[in-house]
């Protein structure tokens, strides 16, 4: 698959997605395609080719573009809510990359704080998938070595890992941008069936450079008890 073909897929995803609940017909999509700088041949997308493009998009990105037979309009199919958020973030990044390549000057108007991309992400994801305890260095004023059973990852301005401390037996939260030297240990664990990542993180909000604690959570934990179990220095 050529780079140009991949960029075409991203273009299709972005334009169908931007149509929202209203959807878009192939005719309307082709009107946009005719004006797109990516259409170097200046030809519309044939229906058969569009069917092949949809199949390739589903295979590569896990994104279903379906046609509603009632109005012959194309829309993005719904999937797992958690995956949809990751998927949309990925698509946004690809769309942004395409836009900057199209207009390099745009790159001067886009900036990241560096907390989205994390080098330790693959190791943490592997540990979560295989249910393996990890050991890592946490870089703060007093660097320390920590063993955690990772339950999940949460993004809110920066990436956070939620997991159970082997030492304290409590749930703790760590910023991935402070983590280094990750090691997967030969120690399995199980995540409690009633643990829900987003529900747990609803107890907190992110403001500037710190997590804001709730005064009291649903399970009766107070501000002080929650604070003891949380690493919140994300500077």
Protein backbone atom coordinates (compact mmCIF):
# COMPACT_ATOMS: atom_id res chain seq x y z
CA UNK A 1 0.00 0.00 0.00
CA UNK A 2 1.39 3.37 -1.01
CA UNK A 3 1.65 6.38 1.26
CA UNK A 4 -0.74 8.23 -1.04
CA UNK A 5 -3.36 5.50 -0.65
CA UNK A 6 -3.05 5.63 3.14
CA UNK A 7 -3.55 9.38 3.09
CA UNK A 8 -6.63 8.88 0.94
CA UNK A 9 -8.08 6.52 3.56
CA UNK A 10 -7.47 9.11 6.27
CA UNK A 11 -9.15 11.74 4.09
CA UNK A 12 -12.21 9.52 3.65
CA UNK A 13 -12.43 8.79 7.39
CA UNK A 14 -12.16 12.48 8.27
CA UNK A 15 -14.83 13.59 5.77
CA UNK A 16 -17.34 10.87 6.67
CA UNK A 17 -16.73 11.48 10.36
CA UNK A 18 -17.16 15.25 9.98
CA UNK A 19 -20.59 14.68 8.41
CA UNK A 20 -21.76 13.45 11.82
CA UNK A 21 -25.19 11.91 12.31
CA UNK A 22 -26.44 13.40 9.05
CA UNK A 23 -24.04 11.25 7.08
CA UNK A 24 -22.80 11.86 3.55
CA UNK A 25 -23.62 10.44 0.13
CA UNK A 26 -20.94 9.22 -2.25
CA UNK A 27 -21.92 12.09 -4.57
CA UNK A 28 -21.33 14.66 -1.81
CA UNK A 29 -18.07 12.97 -0.86
CA UNK A 30 -16.90 13.11 -4.48
CA UNK A 31 -17.66 16.82 -4.69
CA UNK A 32 -15.22 17.30 -1.80
CA UNK A 33 -12.78 14.87 -3.38
CA UNK A 34 -12.76 16.83 -6.63
CA UNK A 35 -11.63 19.91 -4.68
CA UNK A 36 -9.05 18.03 -2.61
CA UNK A 37 -5.37 18.47 -3.38
CA UNK A 38 -4.95 14.73 -2.73
CA UNK A 39 -6.98 13.98 -5.85
CA UNK A 40 -4.05 14.29 -8.24
CA UNK A 41 -5.97 12.57 -11.04
CA UNK A 42 -8.94 14.93 -10.65
CA UNK A 43 -11.39 12.04 -10.98
CA UNK A 44 -14.27 10.97 -8.71
CA UNK A 45 -14.08 7.81 -6.62
CA UNK A 46 -16.00 5.02 -8.40
CA UNK A 47 -18.50 3.14 -6.24
CA UNK A 48 -16.62 -0.16 -6.57
CA UNK A 49 -13.37 1.54 -5.57
CA UNK A 50 -15.11 3.15 -2.59
CA UNK A 51 -16.33 -0.28 -1.45
CA UNK A 52 -12.72 -1.52 -1.55
CA UNK A 53 -11.58 1.60 0.33
CA UNK A 54 -14.18 0.96 3.06
CA UNK A 55 -13.00 -2.63 3.45
CA UNK A 56 -9.37 -1.51 3.71
CA UNK A 57 -10.28 1.16 6.29
CA UNK A 58 -12.13 -1.43 8.40
CA UNK A 59 -9.12 -3.75 8.29
CA UNK A 60 -6.46 -1.11 8.96
CA UNK A 61 -8.23 1.14 11.48
CA UNK A 62 -11.10 -0.95 12.82
CA UNK A 63 -13.48 1.74 11.54
CA UNK A 64 -16.72 0.67 9.90
CA UNK A 65 -18.15 3.02 7.30
CA UNK A 66 -21.66 1.75 6.64
CA UNK A 67 -24.38 2.80 4.22
CA UNK A 68 -27.88 3.39 5.56
CA UNK A 69 -30.20 1.94 2.90
CA UNK A 70 -32.99 4.34 3.91
CA UNK A 71 -31.15 7.43 2.65
CA UNK A 72 -28.00 6.01 0.97
CA UNK A 73 -25.83 8.08 3.27
CA UNK A 74 -22.56 6.86 4.75
CA UNK A 75 -21.75 7.11 8.45
CA UNK A 76 -19.16 5.87 10.94
CA UNK A 77 -20.37 2.80 12.81
CA UNK A 78 -20.49 2.75 16.58
CA UNK A 79 -18.20 0.48 18.56
CA UNK A 80 -16.83 0.02 22.04
CA UNK A 81 -16.86 3.43 23.75
CA UNK A 82 -13.37 3.06 25.14
CA UNK A 83 -11.93 2.03 21.79
CA UNK A 84 -13.79 4.83 20.00
CA UNK A 85 -11.97 7.43 22.07
CA UNK A 86 -8.59 5.90 21.24
CA UNK A 87 -9.59 5.55 17.60
CA UNK A 88 -10.74 9.17 17.33
CA UNK A 89 -7.51 10.38 18.92
CA UNK A 90 -5.51 8.36 16.39
CA UNK A 91 -7.54 9.71 13.48
CA UNK A 92 -7.17 13.29 14.76
CA UNK A 93 -3.39 12.83 14.89
CA UNK A 94 -3.30 11.46 11.34
CA UNK A 95 -5.56 14.21 10.02
CA UNK A 96 -3.35 16.82 11.68
CA UNK A 97 -0.24 15.23 10.17
CA UNK A 98 -1.84 15.31 6.72
CA UNK A 99 -2.83 18.96 7.12
CA UNK A 100 0.69 19.99 8.17
CA UNK A 101 2.20 18.12 5.21
CA UNK A 102 -0.22 19.93 2.93
CA UNK A 103 0.60 23.32 4.48
CA UNK A 104 3.97 23.24 6.28
CA UNK A 105 3.38 26.75 7.64
CA UNK A 106 0.54 25.29 9.70
CA UNK A 107 3.13 23.42 11.76
CA UNK A 108 4.15 26.71 13.35
CA UNK A 109 0.63 27.08 14.72
CA UNK A 110 0.39 23.62 16.31
CA UNK A 111 2.19 22.65 19.49
CA UNK A 112 2.17 19.79 22.01
CA UNK A 113 3.52 19.78 25.54
CA UNK A 114 5.23 16.44 24.95
CA UNK A 115 3.05 14.53 27.42
CA UNK A 116 0.98 12.71 24.77
CA UNK A 117 3.74 10.53 23.34
CA UNK A 118 5.37 8.37 26.00
CA UNK A 119 8.29 6.01 25.33
CA UNK A 120 7.21 3.66 28.12
CA UNK A 121 3.70 3.21 26.69
CA UNK A 122 4.38 -0.13 24.89
CA UNK A 123 5.75 -1.77 28.05
CA UNK A 124 2.84 -0.57 30.18
CA UNK A 125 0.30 -1.77 27.61
CA UNK A 126 2.00 -5.15 27.43
CA UNK A 127 1.89 -5.46 31.23
CA UNK A 128 -1.83 -4.60 31.29
CA UNK A 129 -2.56 -7.10 28.53
CA UNK A 130 -0.55 -9.92 30.12
CA UNK A 131 -1.52 -8.97 33.70
CA UNK A 132 2.10 -8.69 34.78
CA UNK A 133 3.35 -6.57 37.68
CA UNK A 134 5.84 -3.88 36.63
CA UNK A 135 8.78 -2.25 38.38
CA UNK A 136 9.91 1.22 37.36
CA UNK A 137 11.82 4.29 38.43
CA UNK A 138 9.60 7.24 39.28
CA UNK A 139 11.41 10.52 38.73
CA UNK A 140 10.43 13.13 41.28
CA UNK A 141 12.47 15.15 43.78
CA UNK A 142 13.37 11.85 45.42
CA UNK A 143 13.42 9.17 42.68
CA UNK A 144 12.13 5.82 43.86
CA UNK A 145 11.70 2.29 42.57
CA UNK A 146 8.06 1.18 42.56
CA UNK A 147 6.23 -2.11 41.97
CA UNK A 148 2.68 -1.74 40.60
CA UNK A 149 -0.05 -3.99 39.25
CA UNK A 150 -1.26 -1.78 36.37
CA UNK A 151 -5.05 -1.67 35.96
CA UNK A 152 -5.32 0.84 33.12
CA UNK A 153 -4.25 4.04 31.37
CA UNK A 154 -6.11 7.33 31.40
CA UNK A 155 -5.43 10.46 29.32
CA UNK A 156 -6.34 13.91 30.59
CA UNK A 157 -3.81 16.51 29.42
CA UNK A 158 -1.18 13.85 30.16
CA UNK A 159 -1.12 10.04 30.37
CA UNK A 160 -1.74 8.49 33.79
CA UNK A 161 -1.43 4.88 34.92
CA UNK A 162 -3.79 3.55 37.59
CA UNK A 163 -2.69 0.48 39.49
CA UNK A 164 -2.43 -1.33 42.80
CA UNK A 165 0.72 -0.75 44.84
CA UNK A 166 2.43 -4.01 45.79
CA UNK A 167 3.92 -2.32 48.84
CA UNK A 168 0.85 -0.54 50.19
CA UNK A 169 -2.01 -2.56 48.68
CA UNK A 170 -3.81 0.63 47.60
CA UNK A 171 -4.70 2.10 44.22
CA UNK A 172 -2.29 4.78 43.06
CA UNK A 173 -1.94 7.03 40.03
CA UNK A 174 1.32 7.86 38.25
CA UNK A 175 2.19 10.19 35.37
CA UNK A 176 3.85 8.22 32.55
CA UNK A 177 6.18 11.10 31.79
CA UNK A 178 7.85 10.51 35.19
CA UNK A 179 8.32 6.77 34.62
CA UNK A 180 11.49 5.10 33.29
CA UNK A 181 13.38 1.78 33.30
CA UNK A 182 10.20 -0.32 33.22
CA UNK A 183 10.61 -4.03 33.94
CA UNK A 184 7.91 -6.70 33.67
CA UNK A 185 8.10 -9.02 36.68
CA UNK A 186 7.18 -12.70 36.83
CA UNK A 187 4.24 -11.90 39.07
CA UNK A 188 0.65 -12.21 37.80
CA UNK A 189 -2.35 -10.37 39.19
CA UNK A 190 -6.08 -10.01 38.59
CA UNK A 191 -8.11 -6.84 38.28
CA UNK A 192 -11.22 -6.77 40.53
CA UNK A 193 -14.37 -7.37 38.48
CA UNK A 194 -16.03 -4.28 39.90
CA UNK A 195 -13.14 -1.95 38.95
CA UNK A 196 -14.14 0.56 36.26
CA UNK A 197 -11.36 2.86 35.13
CA UNK A 198 -13.44 5.83 33.99
CA UNK A 199 -15.71 5.57 37.01
CA UNK A 200 -12.67 5.61 39.28
CA UNK A 201 -11.13 8.61 37.52
CA UNK A 202 -14.38 10.55 37.74
CA UNK A 203 -13.39 11.20 41.34
CA UNK A 204 -10.59 13.43 40.06
CA UNK A 205 -10.16 16.31 37.69
CA UNK A 206 -6.98 17.65 36.11
CA UNK A 207 -6.15 21.31 36.60
CA UNK A 208 -2.92 22.89 35.38
CA UNK A 209 -0.19 20.72 36.96
CA UNK A 210 -2.02 18.65 39.55
CA UNK A 211 -4.94 16.34 40.14
CA UNK A 212 -7.77 17.86 42.16
CA UNK A 213 -9.05 15.46 44.82
CA UNK A 214 -12.70 14.93 45.74
CA UNK A 215 -13.74 15.69 49.30
CA UNK A 216 -15.55 12.37 49.56
CA UNK A 217 -15.99 9.50 47.11
CA UNK A 218 -18.91 7.10 46.74
CA UNK A 219 -17.21 4.44 48.85
CA UNK A 220 -16.77 6.85 51.76
CA UNK A 221 -13.05 7.52 51.27
CA UNK A 222 -12.22 11.01 52.41
CA UNK A 223 -9.79 13.53 50.97
CA UNK A 224 -6.97 12.44 53.28
CA UNK A 225 -7.24 8.70 52.61
CA UNK A 226 -7.36 9.28 48.85
CA UNK A 227 -4.40 11.61 49.02
CA UNK A 228 -2.26 9.00 50.73
CA UNK A 229 -2.79 6.60 47.84
CA UNK A 230 -2.07 9.04 45.01
CA UNK A 231 1.13 10.24 43.36
CA UNK A 232 0.18 13.59 41.92
CA UNK A 233 3.33 15.52 41.07
CA UNK A 234 3.09 15.90 37.28
CA UNK A 235 5.36 18.89 36.73
